Amino acid sequence: MAHRRTTGSKLLMTALYMVASCSAVPVTDLLDRASQRSDTLHSLSTTLTKELDSHFPPIGRVITPRPSMCHTSSLQTPNDKAQALQISEADLLSLVRSLLQAWIDPLVVLSTSANTLPHPAQSSIFNKIQEMQEHSKSLGDGLDILSSKMGPAAQTISFLPYRRGNDIGQDRISKLINFHFLLSCFRRDSHKIDSFLKVLRCRAAKMHPQMC
């Protein structure tokens, strides 16, 4: 997927500042809030992964699906900050929103599955999944409003359907492995979301240093 480069960045960032002027909140503040929310999402997913690892069956490390099997793997995203800086603000925001949208249903699966997860920290895991859902929805709602002021490119969302269904397995090992895999996919995507939003925040601050 080819992304437009940063031509027209000043116009797009001007649009963002129009949002800020209407809501009396500077764009840097809006992006700070989004970045804080995405940082919390990634931190939660990292903590959850560590909790699961403490009682993860050894065979799981052998038969766990590869990252390329994550349902969002078909979405082409920057591999590092240098590549992200070559993408326009609108396209970068579109990627973030596409990833968030793609996790609405899988997060429900994780939440439902956490109710009966055969793990000593089941209650803690369930509560953290609930938190992730809340932060994800709040972040998505905020970015939806922001994207509406940035033109068609920012409002475009790539459809990334989750087709694995609600059943993560019948036996203890299958449940733990499939739950761990789905969570690892979310952790990977939450890192991308957090990184891309930090790039957007940085670009806004550099373009309007008086607002830093």
Protein backbone atom coordinates (compact mmCIF):
# COMPACT_ATOMS: atom_id res chain seq x y z
CA MET A 1 0.00 0.00 0.00
CA ALA A 2 1.52 3.26 -1.08
CA HIS A 3 1.26 6.18 1.29
CA ARG A 4 1.42 9.79 0.30
CA ARG A 5 4.50 11.52 1.60
CA THR A 6 4.43 14.58 3.74
CA THR A 7 3.47 17.05 1.01
CA GLY A 8 0.71 19.21 2.34
CA SER A 9 1.62 18.55 5.97
CA LYS A 10 1.26 22.19 6.92
CA LEU A 11 -2.29 22.28 5.58
CA LEU A 12 -3.20 19.16 7.53
CA MET A 13 -1.70 20.46 10.75
CA THR A 14 -3.52 23.74 10.18
CA ALA A 15 -6.75 21.74 10.06
CA LEU A 16 -5.82 20.21 13.39
CA TYR A 17 -5.29 23.64 14.86
CA MET A 18 -8.73 24.66 13.65
CA VAL A 19 -10.12 21.84 15.78
CA ALA A 20 -8.19 23.14 18.73
CA SER A 21 -9.39 26.70 18.26
CA CYS A 22 -13.00 25.56 18.15
CA SER A 23 -12.68 23.50 21.31
CA ALA A 24 -10.30 25.91 23.08
CA VAL A 25 -7.81 23.04 23.45
CA PRO A 26 -4.43 23.21 21.64
CA VAL A 27 -3.76 20.40 19.20
CA THR A 28 -0.62 19.46 21.08
CA ASP A 29 -2.83 18.91 24.14
CA LEU A 30 -5.26 16.77 22.13
CA LEU A 31 -2.41 14.65 20.79
CA ASP A 32 -0.86 14.47 24.26
CA ARG A 33 -4.09 12.98 25.60
CA ALA A 34 -4.30 10.48 22.75
CA SER A 35 -0.66 9.53 23.28
CA GLN A 36 -1.21 9.05 27.01
CA ARG A 37 -4.18 6.80 26.33
CA SER A 38 -2.27 4.73 23.78
CA ASP A 39 0.67 4.45 26.17
CA THR A 40 -1.68 3.05 28.81
CA LEU A 41 -3.07 0.55 26.29
CA HIS A 42 0.38 -0.72 25.42
CA SER A 43 1.46 -0.85 29.07
CA LEU A 44 -1.61 -2.91 29.98
CA SER A 45 -1.01 -5.37 27.16
CA THR A 46 2.64 -5.72 28.18
CA THR A 47 1.73 -6.35 31.83
CA LEU A 48 -0.89 -8.91 30.79
CA THR A 49 1.59 -10.75 28.59
CA LYS A 50 4.01 -11.02 31.52
CA GLU A 51 1.23 -12.37 33.76
CA LEU A 52 0.34 -15.03 31.21
CA ASP A 53 3.98 -15.96 30.68
CA SER A 54 4.28 -16.85 34.37
CA HIS A 55 2.04 -19.91 33.82
CA PHE A 56 2.41 -20.51 30.10
CA PRO A 57 2.79 -24.20 29.13
CA PRO A 58 6.26 -24.95 27.66
CA ILE A 59 4.73 -26.54 24.58
CA GLY A 60 2.96 -23.26 23.90
CA ARG A 61 6.24 -21.62 22.94
CA VAL A 62 6.63 -24.24 20.26
CA ILE A 63 3.15 -24.35 18.73
CA THR A 64 1.99 -20.75 19.19
CA PRO A 65 1.02 -19.26 15.79
CA ARG A 66 3.46 -16.87 14.11
CA PRO A 67 2.89 -13.09 14.28
CA SER A 68 2.16 -13.16 10.54
CA MET A 69 -1.07 -14.98 11.44
CA CYS A 70 -2.44 -12.03 13.40
CA HIS A 71 -5.62 -10.78 11.72
CA THR A 72 -4.11 -7.30 11.22
CA SER A 73 -0.89 -8.51 9.59
CA SER A 74 -2.16 -7.68 6.09
CA LEU A 75 -2.14 -3.95 6.91
CA GLN A 76 1.10 -2.44 5.67
CA THR A 77 2.55 -0.15 8.32
CA PRO A 78 5.89 1.64 8.81
CA ASN A 79 8.60 -0.55 10.31
CA ASP A 80 10.30 2.26 12.20
CA LYS A 81 10.15 5.96 13.04
CA ALA A 82 12.05 6.96 9.91
CA GLN A 83 9.42 5.33 7.71
CA ALA A 84 6.58 6.79 9.78
CA LEU A 85 7.99 10.27 9.24
CA GLN A 86 7.62 9.77 5.47
CA ILE A 87 3.86 9.29 5.74
CA SER A 88 1.40 12.15 5.80
CA GLU A 89 -0.42 12.97 9.04
CA ALA A 90 -3.77 11.97 7.54
CA ASP A 91 -2.52 8.57 6.38
CA LEU A 92 -0.78 7.90 9.68
CA LEU A 93 -3.97 8.70 11.59
CA SER A 94 -5.87 6.43 9.21
CA LEU A 95 -3.53 3.55 10.10
CA VAL A 96 -4.05 4.14 13.81
CA ARG A 97 -7.82 4.20 13.44
CA SER A 98 -7.77 1.08 11.24
CA LEU A 99 -5.85 -0.84 13.89
CA LEU A 100 -8.14 0.33 16.69
CA GLN A 101 -11.24 -0.58 14.68
CA ALA A 102 -9.84 -4.03 13.94
CA TRP A 103 -9.62 -4.82 17.66
CA ILE A 104 -13.20 -4.06 18.69
CA ASP A 105 -14.41 -7.67 18.24
CA PRO A 106 -11.20 -9.46 19.31
CA LEU A 107 -11.14 -7.49 22.58
CA VAL A 108 -14.65 -8.77 23.26
CA VAL A 109 -13.37 -12.31 22.65
CA LEU A 110 -10.50 -11.74 25.08
CA SER A 111 -12.88 -10.33 27.68
CA THR A 112 -15.33 -13.22 27.37
CA SER A 113 -12.55 -15.82 27.39
CA ALA A 114 -10.87 -14.26 30.43
CA ASN A 115 -13.95 -15.19 32.50
CA THR A 116 -13.01 -18.87 32.35
CA LEU A 117 -9.29 -18.68 31.65
CA PRO A 118 -7.44 -21.50 33.48
CA HIS A 119 -4.85 -19.21 35.04
CA PRO A 120 -4.08 -18.29 38.69
CA ALA A 121 -4.30 -14.57 37.84
CA GLN A 122 -7.64 -14.97 36.02
CA SER A 123 -9.39 -12.19 37.95
CA SER A 124 -6.55 -9.70 37.41
CA ILE A 125 -6.35 -10.60 33.72
CA PHE A 126 -10.09 -10.10 33.28
CA ASN A 127 -9.98 -6.67 34.96
CA LYS A 128 -7.08 -5.52 32.78
CA ILE A 129 -8.86 -6.66 29.62
CA GLN A 130 -11.84 -4.55 30.69
CA GLU A 131 -9.54 -1.57 31.14
CA MET A 132 -8.06 -2.11 27.68
CA GLN A 133 -11.54 -2.10 26.16
CA GLU A 134 -12.41 1.16 27.89
CA HIS A 135 -9.17 2.90 26.89
CA SER A 136 -9.46 1.60 23.32
CA LYS A 137 -13.00 2.92 22.95
CA SER A 138 -12.14 6.29 24.47
CA LEU A 139 -9.11 6.66 22.22
CA GLY A 140 -11.09 5.62 19.15
CA ASP A 141 -13.88 8.12 19.88
CA GLY A 142 -11.39 10.95 20.29
CA LEU A 143 -9.53 10.12 17.08
CA ASP A 144 -12.80 9.85 15.16
CA ILE A 145 -13.57 13.47 16.03
CA LEU A 146 -10.05 14.56 15.14
CA SER A 147 -10.09 12.73 11.80
CA SER A 148 -13.33 14.41 10.75
CA LYS A 149 -11.43 17.68 10.55
CA MET A 150 -8.50 16.31 8.56
CA GLY A 151 -10.16 15.34 5.30
CA PRO A 152 -11.09 12.08 3.53
CA ALA A 153 -7.69 10.38 3.89
CA ALA A 154 -7.80 10.52 7.68
CA GLN A 155 -11.35 9.18 7.72
CA THR A 156 -10.50 6.15 5.60
CA ILE A 157 -10.41 2.90 7.56
CA SER A 158 -8.99 -0.36 6.21
CA PHE A 159 -11.30 -3.28 6.98
CA LEU A 160 -9.43 -6.01 8.86
CA PRO A 161 -12.01 -8.66 9.84
CA TYR A 162 -11.41 -11.06 12.71
CA ARG A 163 -12.50 -14.51 11.54
CA ARG A 164 -11.33 -16.82 14.32
CA GLY A 165 -14.65 -16.72 16.15
CA ASN A 166 -15.38 -16.60 19.88
CA ASP A 167 -14.07 -20.04 20.84
CA ILE A 168 -10.41 -20.01 21.87
CA GLY A 169 -10.27 -23.73 22.69
CA GLN A 170 -11.80 -26.55 24.71
CA ASP A 171 -8.89 -27.78 26.82
CA ARG A 172 -6.61 -25.89 29.22
CA ILE A 173 -3.53 -25.76 26.97
CA SER A 174 -5.48 -24.66 23.87
CA LYS A 175 -7.20 -21.88 25.82
CA LEU A 176 -3.93 -20.55 27.23
CA ILE A 177 -2.08 -20.72 23.91
CA ASN A 178 -4.83 -19.09 21.85
CA PHE A 179 -5.47 -16.43 24.47
CA HIS A 180 -1.75 -15.68 24.66
CA PHE A 181 -1.48 -15.48 20.87
CA LEU A 182 -4.41 -13.07 20.52
CA LEU A 183 -3.06 -10.91 23.30
CA SER A 184 0.41 -10.88 21.73
CA CYS A 185 -1.14 -9.63 18.49
CA PHE A 186 -2.84 -6.83 20.39
CA ARG A 187 0.38 -5.96 22.18
CA ARG A 188 2.16 -5.67 18.82
CA ASP A 189 -0.57 -3.43 17.40
CA SER A 190 -0.86 -1.31 20.54
CA HIS A 191 2.86 -0.62 20.21
CA LYS A 192 2.31 0.56 16.63
CA ILE A 193 -0.62 2.74 17.65
CA ASP A 194 1.38 4.30 20.46
CA SER A 195 4.43 4.88 18.25
CA PHE A 196 2.44 6.46 15.42
CA LEU A 197 0.58 8.81 17.75
CA LYS A 198 3.85 9.91 19.32
CA VAL A 199 5.18 10.70 15.83
CA LEU A 200 2.06 12.80 15.13
CA ARG A 201 2.44 14.60 18.45
CA CYS A 202 6.11 15.30 17.75
CA ARG A 203 5.39 16.67 14.28
CA ALA A 204 2.69 18.97 15.62
CA ALA A 205 4.98 20.29 18.35
CA LYS A 206 7.85 20.95 15.92
CA MET A 207 5.58 22.76 13.46
CA HIS A 208 4.16 24.99 16.20
CA PRO A 209 6.86 25.22 18.90
CA GLN A 210 5.06 28.09 20.60
CA MET A 211 2.40 25.57 21.64
CA CYS A 212 4.87 23.16 23.30
